[in-house]
Amino acid sequence: MPAVGFCVKCRKKVEIKDAQEVTLKNGRKALKGSCPFCGTPVYVFVKTKA
């Protein structure tokens, strides 16, 4: 299943290109990639197991 995020520049949901799982400073996990249309970075938070 491809990762889908919101591009703030295009103002629409897009399929994230070259998605990688990263850990942010506060410890949350996220998918980081880019918009396939404009190249703007797109982030989506990932659920962590409780």
C-alpha atoms as a PDB file:
ATOM      1  CA  MET A   1       0.000   0.000   0.000  1.00  0.00           C
ATOM      2  CA  PRO A   2       1.558   3.310  -1.042  1.00  0.00           C
ATOM      3  CA  ALA A   3       1.943   6.089   1.499  1.00  0.00           C
ATOM      4  CA  VAL A   4      -0.409   9.027   0.990  1.00  0.00           C
ATOM      5  CA  GLY A   5       0.192  12.467   2.467  1.00  0.00           C
ATOM      6  CA  PHE A   6      -0.973  16.046   2.079  1.00  0.00           C
ATOM      7  CA  CYS A   7       1.158  18.422  -0.014  1.00  0.00           C
ATOM      8  CA  VAL A   8       0.781  21.943   1.361  1.00  0.00           C
ATOM      9  CA  LYS A   9       2.029  23.522  -1.869  1.00  0.00           C
ATOM     10  CA  CYS A  10      -0.330  21.623  -4.219  1.00  0.00           C
ATOM     11  CA  ARG A  11      -3.103  21.610  -1.581  1.00  0.00           C
ATOM     12  CA  LYS A  12      -4.102  18.017  -2.268  1.00  0.00           C
ATOM     13  CA  LYS A  13      -3.415  14.453  -1.153  1.00  0.00           C
ATOM     14  CA  VAL A  14      -0.549  12.875  -3.049  1.00  0.00           C
ATOM     15  CA  GLU A  15       1.242   9.539  -3.128  1.00  0.00           C
ATOM     16  CA  ILE A  16       4.611  10.061  -1.399  1.00  0.00           C
ATOM     17  CA  LYS A  17       7.602   9.552  -3.681  1.00  0.00           C
ATOM     18  CA  ASP A  18      10.720   7.837  -2.214  1.00  0.00           C
ATOM     19  CA  ALA A  19       9.161   7.385   1.247  1.00  0.00           C
ATOM     20  CA  GLN A  20      11.562   6.586   4.107  1.00  0.00           C
ATOM     21  CA  GLU A  21      10.750   5.938   7.771  1.00  0.00           C
ATOM     22  CA  VAL A  22      12.422   8.493  10.054  1.00  0.00           C
ATOM     23  CA  THR A  23      12.357   9.274  13.784  1.00  0.00           C
ATOM     24  CA  LEU A  24      11.689  12.896  14.688  1.00  0.00           C
ATOM     25  CA  LYS A  25      13.339  14.789  17.565  1.00  0.00           C
ATOM     26  CA  ASN A  26      10.423  14.088  19.906  1.00  0.00           C
ATOM     27  CA  GLY A  27      10.637  10.335  19.248  1.00  0.00           C
ATOM     28  CA  ARG A  28       7.640  10.020  16.925  1.00  0.00           C
ATOM     29  CA  LYS A  29       8.003   7.951  13.783  1.00  0.00           C
ATOM     30  CA  ALA A  30       7.073   9.427  10.402  1.00  0.00           C
ATOM     31  CA  LEU A  31       7.342   8.754   6.703  1.00  0.00           C
ATOM     32  CA  LYS A  32       9.377  11.362   4.846  1.00  0.00           C
ATOM     33  CA  GLY A  33       9.286  11.750   1.092  1.00  0.00           C
ATOM     34  CA  SER A  34       8.499  14.260  -1.599  1.00  0.00           C
ATOM     35  CA  CYS A  35       5.548  15.322  -3.715  1.00  0.00           C
ATOM     36  CA  PRO A  36       5.735  13.759  -7.198  1.00  0.00           C
ATOM     37  CA  PHE A  37       4.383  16.946  -8.813  1.00  0.00           C
ATOM     38  CA  CYS A  38       6.273  19.837  -7.177  1.00  0.00           C
ATOM     39  CA  GLY A  39       9.038  18.140  -5.125  1.00  0.00           C
ATOM     40  CA  THR A  40       8.008  19.672  -1.785  1.00  0.00           C
ATOM     41  CA  PRO A  41       8.889  17.537   1.267  1.00  0.00           C
ATOM     42  CA  VAL A  42       5.881  15.594   2.599  1.00  0.00           C
ATOM     43  CA  TYR A  43       5.676  14.021   6.071  1.00  0.00           C
ATOM     44  CA  VAL A  44       3.091  11.570   7.446  1.00  0.00           C
ATOM     45  CA  PHE A  45       3.039  10.366  11.036  1.00  0.00           C
ATOM     46  CA  VAL A  46       3.064   6.588  11.499  1.00  0.00           C
ATOM     47  CA  LYS A  47       1.145   4.799  14.256  1.00  0.00           C
ATOM     48  CA  THR A  48       3.320   3.201  16.879  1.00  0.00           C
ATOM     49  CA  LYS A  49       2.338  -0.006  18.593  1.00  0.00           C
ATOM     50  CA  ALA A  50       0.920   0.603  22.046  1.00  0.00           C
END
